[in-house]
Amino acid sequence: MQKIPIDLAKPGMKLAKPVTKEGGMTIMAEGMELSDSHIKRLQAMSIDRITVQGHPVDMGGAGSGTKWAERQERLDHLFRRHAEDKWMMRVKNRMDQYFQLKAAAQEARMKALEAVDETGDEAGDNGGEE
């Protein structure tokens, strides 16, 4: 099971946990297979992350060079004096996971914008030639 930013969700992925609103109301059930329309609907509802079955997204280097990745890199320095405190290490691990998700989401948005720009440029070039 893997928690991923909604921006990295792909059709065919299956939910490992139900998607709920802030009030606790279930929007999509566990085990449901995502489609393009499901993903767009979740984005429209401001759902920022989901938990899917397996580990379909390699987030090892995701988001490098983003502001979230920079924050993640500083965690070792910020928690350097608390290596023996198991509770502080739990906080650090949670923050690390959070920053990793945010960095991956930011990188996915940047790539999507680049793809839209490239598509727009191509459409503009073709329009001028005709």
N, C-alpha and C. Protein backbone atom coordinates (compact mmCIF):
# COMPACT_ATOMS: atom_id res chain seq x y z
N MET A 1 0.85 -1.16 0.00
CA MET A 1 0.00 0.00 0.00
C MET A 1 0.90 1.23 0.00
N GLN A 2 0.50 2.25 -0.78
CA GLN A 2 1.32 3.46 -0.92
C GLN A 2 0.42 4.69 -0.97
N LYS A 3 0.79 5.70 -0.19
CA LYS A 3 0.08 6.97 -0.23
C LYS A 3 0.75 7.84 -1.28
N ILE A 4 -0.04 8.33 -2.24
CA ILE A 4 0.52 9.12 -3.33
C ILE A 4 -0.28 10.41 -3.51
N PRO A 5 0.35 11.44 -4.07
CA PRO A 5 -0.39 12.66 -4.41
C PRO A 5 -1.39 12.33 -5.53
N ILE A 6 -2.53 12.95 -5.52
CA ILE A 6 -3.56 12.70 -6.53
C ILE A 6 -3.02 13.00 -7.93
N ASP A 7 -2.06 13.92 -8.03
CA ASP A 7 -1.48 14.28 -9.32
C ASP A 7 -0.71 13.12 -9.94
N LEU A 8 -0.31 12.13 -9.15
CA LEU A 8 0.43 10.98 -9.67
C LEU A 8 -0.47 9.77 -9.89
N ALA A 9 -1.75 9.91 -9.60
CA ALA A 9 -2.69 8.80 -9.78
C ALA A 9 -2.89 8.53 -11.27
N LYS A 10 -3.04 7.27 -11.61
CA LYS A 10 -3.24 6.85 -12.99
C LYS A 10 -4.46 5.93 -13.06
N PRO A 11 -5.17 5.95 -14.17
CA PRO A 11 -6.29 5.02 -14.35
C PRO A 11 -5.80 3.58 -14.20
N GLY A 12 -6.61 2.77 -13.55
CA GLY A 12 -6.26 1.37 -13.33
C GLY A 12 -5.72 1.09 -11.94
N MET A 13 -5.25 2.12 -11.23
CA MET A 13 -4.80 1.93 -9.85
C MET A 13 -6.01 1.60 -8.98
N LYS A 14 -5.78 0.77 -7.95
CA LYS A 14 -6.87 0.40 -7.04
C LYS A 14 -6.63 1.03 -5.67
N LEU A 15 -7.70 1.51 -5.07
CA LEU A 15 -7.61 2.13 -3.75
C LEU A 15 -7.37 1.08 -2.67
N ALA A 16 -6.40 1.34 -1.80
CA ALA A 16 -6.11 0.45 -0.68
C ALA A 16 -6.90 0.87 0.55
N LYS A 17 -7.33 2.12 0.57
CA LYS A 17 -8.15 2.65 1.66
C LYS A 17 -9.25 3.49 1.05
N PRO A 18 -10.39 3.59 1.72
CA PRO A 18 -11.45 4.43 1.18
C PRO A 18 -11.03 5.90 1.18
N VAL A 19 -11.56 6.66 0.24
CA VAL A 19 -11.32 8.10 0.18
C VAL A 19 -12.49 8.76 0.90
N THR A 20 -12.17 9.58 1.88
CA THR A 20 -13.22 10.23 2.66
C THR A 20 -13.06 11.74 2.65
N LYS A 21 -14.18 12.43 2.85
CA LYS A 21 -14.15 13.88 3.02
C LYS A 21 -13.73 14.18 4.45
N GLU A 22 -13.49 15.47 4.73
CA GLU A 22 -13.06 15.86 6.07
C GLU A 22 -14.06 15.43 7.14
N GLY A 23 -15.33 15.44 6.85
CA GLY A 23 -16.35 15.05 7.81
C GLY A 23 -16.44 13.56 8.03
N GLY A 24 -15.71 12.77 7.24
CA GLY A 24 -15.72 11.32 7.41
C GLY A 24 -16.59 10.59 6.40
N MET A 25 -17.30 11.33 5.55
CA MET A 25 -18.16 10.69 4.55
C MET A 25 -17.30 10.03 3.47
N THR A 26 -17.60 8.77 3.16
CA THR A 26 -16.84 8.02 2.16
C THR A 26 -17.23 8.47 0.76
N ILE A 27 -16.21 8.83 -0.02
CA ILE A 27 -16.43 9.26 -1.40
C ILE A 27 -16.24 8.08 -2.34
N MET A 28 -15.16 7.31 -2.11
CA MET A 28 -14.86 6.13 -2.91
C MET A 28 -14.42 5.00 -1.99
N ALA A 29 -14.88 3.81 -2.29
CA ALA A 29 -14.63 2.66 -1.42
C ALA A 29 -13.27 2.02 -1.68
N GLU A 30 -12.79 1.34 -0.66
CA GLU A 30 -11.55 0.56 -0.77
C GLU A 30 -11.72 -0.48 -1.87
N GLY A 31 -10.66 -0.69 -2.66
CA GLY A 31 -10.69 -1.68 -3.73
C GLY A 31 -11.21 -1.15 -5.05
N MET A 32 -11.72 0.06 -5.07
CA MET A 32 -12.26 0.64 -6.30
C MET A 32 -11.12 0.94 -7.28
N GLU A 33 -11.34 0.63 -8.55
CA GLU A 33 -10.34 0.92 -9.57
C GLU A 33 -10.57 2.33 -10.13
N LEU A 34 -9.51 3.10 -10.18
CA LEU A 34 -9.62 4.49 -10.62
C LEU A 34 -9.70 4.60 -12.14
N SER A 35 -10.50 5.55 -12.58
CA SER A 35 -10.58 5.90 -14.00
C SER A 35 -10.18 7.37 -14.12
N ASP A 36 -10.05 7.86 -15.33
CA ASP A 36 -9.74 9.27 -15.55
C ASP A 36 -10.79 10.17 -14.89
N SER A 37 -12.04 9.81 -15.05
CA SER A 37 -13.10 10.65 -14.49
C SER A 37 -13.08 10.63 -12.96
N HIS A 38 -12.74 9.49 -12.36
CA HIS A 38 -12.62 9.43 -10.89
C HIS A 38 -11.51 10.37 -10.41
N ILE A 39 -10.38 10.33 -11.09
CA ILE A 39 -9.23 11.15 -10.69
C ILE A 39 -9.59 12.63 -10.82
N LYS A 40 -10.22 13.01 -11.92
CA LYS A 40 -10.62 14.42 -12.12
C LYS A 40 -11.62 14.85 -11.06
N ARG A 41 -12.54 13.96 -10.71
CA ARG A 41 -13.53 14.27 -9.68
C ARG A 41 -12.87 14.49 -8.32
N LEU A 42 -11.91 13.64 -7.98
CA LEU A 42 -11.19 13.79 -6.71
C LEU A 42 -10.41 15.10 -6.68
N GLN A 43 -9.78 15.44 -7.80
CA GLN A 43 -9.06 16.71 -7.87
C GLN A 43 -10.02 17.89 -7.70
N ALA A 44 -11.20 17.81 -8.31
CA ALA A 44 -12.19 18.87 -8.18
C ALA A 44 -12.69 19.01 -6.75
N MET A 45 -12.66 17.91 -5.99
CA MET A 45 -13.08 17.94 -4.58
C MET A 45 -11.94 18.33 -3.65
N SER A 46 -10.80 18.71 -4.21
CA SER A 46 -9.61 19.11 -3.45
C SER A 46 -9.03 17.99 -2.59
N ILE A 47 -9.18 16.75 -3.06
CA ILE A 47 -8.51 15.62 -2.41
C ILE A 47 -7.07 15.66 -2.90
N ASP A 48 -6.10 15.78 -1.99
CA ASP A 48 -4.72 15.95 -2.44
C ASP A 48 -3.91 14.66 -2.47
N ARG A 49 -4.34 13.62 -1.74
CA ARG A 49 -3.61 12.35 -1.80
C ARG A 49 -4.55 11.18 -1.52
N ILE A 50 -4.15 10.02 -2.04
CA ILE A 50 -4.93 8.80 -1.88
C ILE A 50 -3.97 7.67 -1.54
N THR A 51 -4.51 6.57 -1.03
CA THR A 51 -3.71 5.39 -0.73
C THR A 51 -4.12 4.30 -1.70
N VAL A 52 -3.13 3.81 -2.47
CA VAL A 52 -3.40 2.80 -3.49
C VAL A 52 -2.72 1.48 -3.13
N GLN A 53 -3.17 0.42 -3.77
CA GLN A 53 -2.61 -0.91 -3.52
C GLN A 53 -1.23 -1.03 -4.16
N GLY A 54 -0.35 -1.77 -3.50
CA GLY A 54 1.00 -1.97 -4.01
C GLY A 54 1.84 -0.72 -3.87
N HIS A 55 2.90 -0.65 -4.67
CA HIS A 55 3.79 0.51 -4.71
C HIS A 55 4.00 0.89 -6.18
N PRO A 56 2.95 1.42 -6.81
CA PRO A 56 3.02 1.69 -8.25
C PRO A 56 3.88 2.89 -8.63
N VAL A 57 4.18 3.77 -7.66
CA VAL A 57 4.91 4.98 -7.98
C VAL A 57 6.25 4.97 -7.25
N ASP A 58 7.34 5.05 -8.02
CA ASP A 58 8.67 5.15 -7.43
C ASP A 58 8.90 6.60 -7.06
N MET A 59 8.92 6.89 -5.76
CA MET A 59 9.07 8.26 -5.32
C MET A 59 10.47 8.50 -4.76
N GLY A 60 11.42 7.62 -5.10
CA GLY A 60 12.77 7.76 -4.60
C GLY A 60 13.40 9.09 -4.94
N GLY A 61 13.35 9.50 -6.21
CA GLY A 61 13.95 10.76 -6.61
C GLY A 61 12.91 11.79 -6.99
N ALA A 62 11.66 11.51 -6.71
CA ALA A 62 10.59 12.42 -7.11
C ALA A 62 10.71 13.74 -6.40
N GLY A 63 10.55 14.78 -7.18
CA GLY A 63 10.50 16.10 -6.59
C GLY A 63 11.84 16.73 -6.31
N SER A 64 12.93 16.11 -6.74
CA SER A 64 14.23 16.72 -6.45
C SER A 64 14.30 18.08 -7.15
N GLY A 65 14.81 19.05 -6.45
CA GLY A 65 14.89 20.40 -7.00
C GLY A 65 13.68 21.25 -6.70
N THR A 66 12.73 20.73 -5.96
CA THR A 66 11.55 21.51 -5.60
C THR A 66 11.73 22.09 -4.20
N LYS A 67 10.89 23.04 -3.85
CA LYS A 67 11.01 23.64 -2.51
C LYS A 67 10.72 22.61 -1.42
N TRP A 68 9.87 21.64 -1.72
CA TRP A 68 9.56 20.60 -0.72
C TRP A 68 10.75 19.68 -0.53
N ALA A 69 11.47 19.38 -1.60
CA ALA A 69 12.67 18.54 -1.50
C ALA A 69 13.73 19.24 -0.66
N GLU A 70 13.85 20.56 -0.82
CA GLU A 70 14.81 21.32 -0.02
C GLU A 70 14.46 21.23 1.46
N ARG A 71 13.19 21.31 1.77
CA ARG A 71 12.76 21.19 3.17
C ARG A 71 13.06 19.80 3.71
N GLN A 72 12.84 18.80 2.87
CA GLN A 72 13.10 17.42 3.27
C GLN A 72 14.59 17.21 3.57
N GLU A 73 15.44 17.82 2.76
CA GLU A 73 16.88 17.68 2.96
C GLU A 73 17.35 18.29 4.27
N ARG A 74 16.66 19.29 4.77
CA ARG A 74 17.05 19.96 6.01
C ARG A 74 16.66 19.18 7.26
N LEU A 75 15.83 18.16 7.12
CA LEU A 75 15.35 17.42 8.30
C LEU A 75 16.50 16.81 9.11
N ASP A 76 17.48 16.23 8.44
CA ASP A 76 18.60 15.63 9.18
C ASP A 76 19.30 16.67 10.05
N HIS A 77 19.49 17.84 9.49
CA HIS A 77 20.14 18.91 10.26
C HIS A 77 19.25 19.35 11.43
N LEU A 78 17.98 19.52 11.17
CA LEU A 78 17.08 20.03 12.20
C LEU A 78 16.89 19.04 13.36
N PHE A 79 16.96 17.75 13.07
CA PHE A 79 16.74 16.73 14.10
C PHE A 79 18.04 16.07 14.57
N ARG A 80 19.18 16.66 14.26
CA ARG A 80 20.48 16.05 14.57
C ARG A 80 20.69 15.79 16.05
N ARG A 81 20.10 16.57 16.92
CA ARG A 81 20.31 16.42 18.37
C ARG A 81 19.30 15.47 19.01
N HIS A 82 18.40 14.93 18.21
CA HIS A 82 17.32 14.10 18.77
C HIS A 82 17.37 12.65 18.28
N ALA A 83 18.53 12.21 17.86
CA ALA A 83 18.66 10.86 17.30
C ALA A 83 18.27 9.77 18.30
N GLU A 84 18.42 10.03 19.58
CA GLU A 84 18.10 9.03 20.60
C GLU A 84 16.64 9.09 21.07
N ASP A 85 15.93 10.12 20.71
CA ASP A 85 14.54 10.31 21.13
C ASP A 85 13.59 9.68 20.11
N LYS A 86 12.98 8.53 20.47
CA LYS A 86 12.16 7.81 19.49
C LYS A 86 10.95 8.62 19.04
N TRP A 87 10.40 9.44 19.89
CA TRP A 87 9.23 10.25 19.52
C TRP A 87 9.61 11.34 18.53
N MET A 88 10.76 11.95 18.74
CA MET A 88 11.21 12.97 17.80
C MET A 88 11.55 12.34 16.44
N MET A 89 12.06 11.11 16.48
CA MET A 89 12.35 10.42 15.22
C MET A 89 11.06 10.06 14.48
N ARG A 90 10.00 9.78 15.23
CA ARG A 90 8.70 9.53 14.59
C ARG A 90 8.19 10.79 13.93
N VAL A 91 8.36 11.93 14.60
CA VAL A 91 7.96 13.21 14.02
C VAL A 91 8.77 13.48 12.75
N LYS A 92 10.08 13.24 12.82
CA LYS A 92 10.94 13.44 11.66
C LYS A 92 10.50 12.56 10.49
N ASN A 93 10.21 11.28 10.78
CA ASN A 93 9.78 10.37 9.72
C ASN A 93 8.46 10.81 9.08
N ARG A 94 7.53 11.28 9.91
CA ARG A 94 6.25 11.78 9.38
C ARG A 94 6.48 13.00 8.48
N MET A 95 7.34 13.90 8.94
CA MET A 95 7.64 15.09 8.15
C MET A 95 8.34 14.71 6.85
N ASP A 96 9.22 13.73 6.92
CA ASP A 96 9.92 13.25 5.73
C ASP A 96 8.92 12.71 4.70
N GLN A 97 7.97 11.89 5.16
CA GLN A 97 6.94 11.36 4.27
C GLN A 97 6.10 12.47 3.66
N TYR A 98 5.72 13.44 4.50
CA TYR A 98 4.90 14.55 4.04
C TYR A 98 5.63 15.36 2.97
N PHE A 99 6.90 15.70 3.22
CA PHE A 99 7.66 16.47 2.25
C PHE A 99 7.89 15.69 0.96
N GLN A 100 8.07 14.38 1.09
CA GLN A 100 8.25 13.55 -0.10
C GLN A 100 6.98 13.57 -0.97
N LEU A 101 5.82 13.45 -0.33
CA LEU A 101 4.56 13.52 -1.07
C LEU A 101 4.38 14.87 -1.75
N LYS A 102 4.65 15.93 -1.00
CA LYS A 102 4.50 17.28 -1.54
C LYS A 102 5.46 17.53 -2.69
N ALA A 103 6.70 17.05 -2.56
CA ALA A 103 7.70 17.23 -3.62
C ALA A 103 7.27 16.49 -4.88
N ALA A 104 6.79 15.27 -4.73
CA ALA A 104 6.34 14.48 -5.88
C ALA A 104 5.15 15.15 -6.55
N ALA A 105 4.23 15.68 -5.77
CA ALA A 105 3.06 16.36 -6.33
C ALA A 105 3.47 17.62 -7.07
N GLN A 106 4.40 18.37 -6.51
CA GLN A 106 4.86 19.61 -7.14
C GLN A 106 5.55 19.28 -8.47
N GLU A 107 6.38 18.23 -8.48
CA GLU A 107 7.06 17.85 -9.71
C GLU A 107 6.04 17.39 -10.76
N ALA A 108 5.01 16.64 -10.35
CA ALA A 108 3.99 16.18 -11.29
C ALA A 108 3.25 17.37 -11.90
N ARG A 109 2.94 18.38 -11.08
CA ARG A 109 2.28 19.58 -11.60
C ARG A 109 3.17 20.31 -12.61
N MET A 110 4.46 20.42 -12.28
CA MET A 110 5.39 21.10 -13.20
C MET A 110 5.48 20.36 -14.53
N LYS A 111 5.55 19.02 -14.49
CA LYS A 111 5.62 18.23 -15.72
C LYS A 111 4.33 18.36 -16.53
N ALA A 112 3.19 18.39 -15.84
CA ALA A 112 1.91 18.54 -16.53
C ALA A 112 1.84 19.90 -17.22
N LEU A 113 2.31 20.94 -16.54
CA LEU A 113 2.31 22.28 -17.15
C LEU A 113 3.25 22.34 -18.34
N GLU A 114 4.40 21.69 -18.24
CA GLU A 114 5.33 21.65 -19.37
C GLU A 114 4.71 20.93 -20.55
N ALA A 115 4.00 19.82 -20.29
CA ALA A 115 3.35 19.07 -21.36
C ALA A 115 2.27 19.91 -22.03
N VAL A 116 1.52 20.67 -21.25
CA VAL A 116 0.49 21.54 -21.80
C VAL A 116 1.13 22.64 -22.64
N ASP A 117 2.22 23.21 -22.14
CA ASP A 117 2.93 24.25 -22.89
C ASP A 117 3.45 23.70 -24.22
N GLU A 118 4.02 22.50 -24.20
CA GLU A 118 4.53 21.89 -25.43
C GLU A 118 3.41 21.63 -26.42
N THR A 119 2.28 21.13 -25.93
CA THR A 119 1.13 20.86 -26.78
C THR A 119 0.60 22.16 -27.36
N GLY A 120 0.55 23.18 -26.53
CA GLY A 120 0.08 24.49 -26.99
C GLY A 120 1.01 25.09 -28.02
N ASP A 121 2.33 24.93 -27.84
CA ASP A 121 3.30 25.43 -28.80
C ASP A 121 3.16 24.72 -30.14
N GLU A 122 2.98 23.39 -30.08
CA GLU A 122 2.83 22.63 -31.31
C GLU A 122 1.58 23.04 -32.06
N ALA A 123 0.48 23.23 -31.32
CA ALA A 123 -0.77 23.64 -31.95
C ALA A 123 -0.61 25.01 -32.57
N GLY A 124 0.09 25.90 -31.89
CA GLY A 124 0.32 27.24 -32.41
C GLY A 124 1.20 27.22 -33.65
N ASP A 125 2.21 26.35 -33.68
CA ASP A 125 3.10 26.25 -34.84
C ASP A 125 2.35 25.73 -36.06
N ASN A 126 1.52 24.71 -35.87
CA ASN A 126 0.76 24.15 -36.98
C ASN A 126 -0.24 25.15 -37.53
N GLY A 127 -0.82 25.93 -36.65
CA GLY A 127 -1.82 26.91 -37.07
C GLY A 127 -1.19 28.00 -37.93
N GLY A 128 0.05 28.35 -37.65
CA GLY A 128 0.71 29.40 -38.41
C GLY A 128 1.16 28.94 -39.77
N GLU A 129 1.40 27.63 -39.96
CA GLU A 129 1.90 27.12 -41.23
C GLU A 129 0.81 26.96 -42.25
N GLU A 130 -0.41 26.76 -41.81
CA GLU A 130 -1.49 26.49 -42.75
C GLU A 130 -2.00 27.70 -43.38
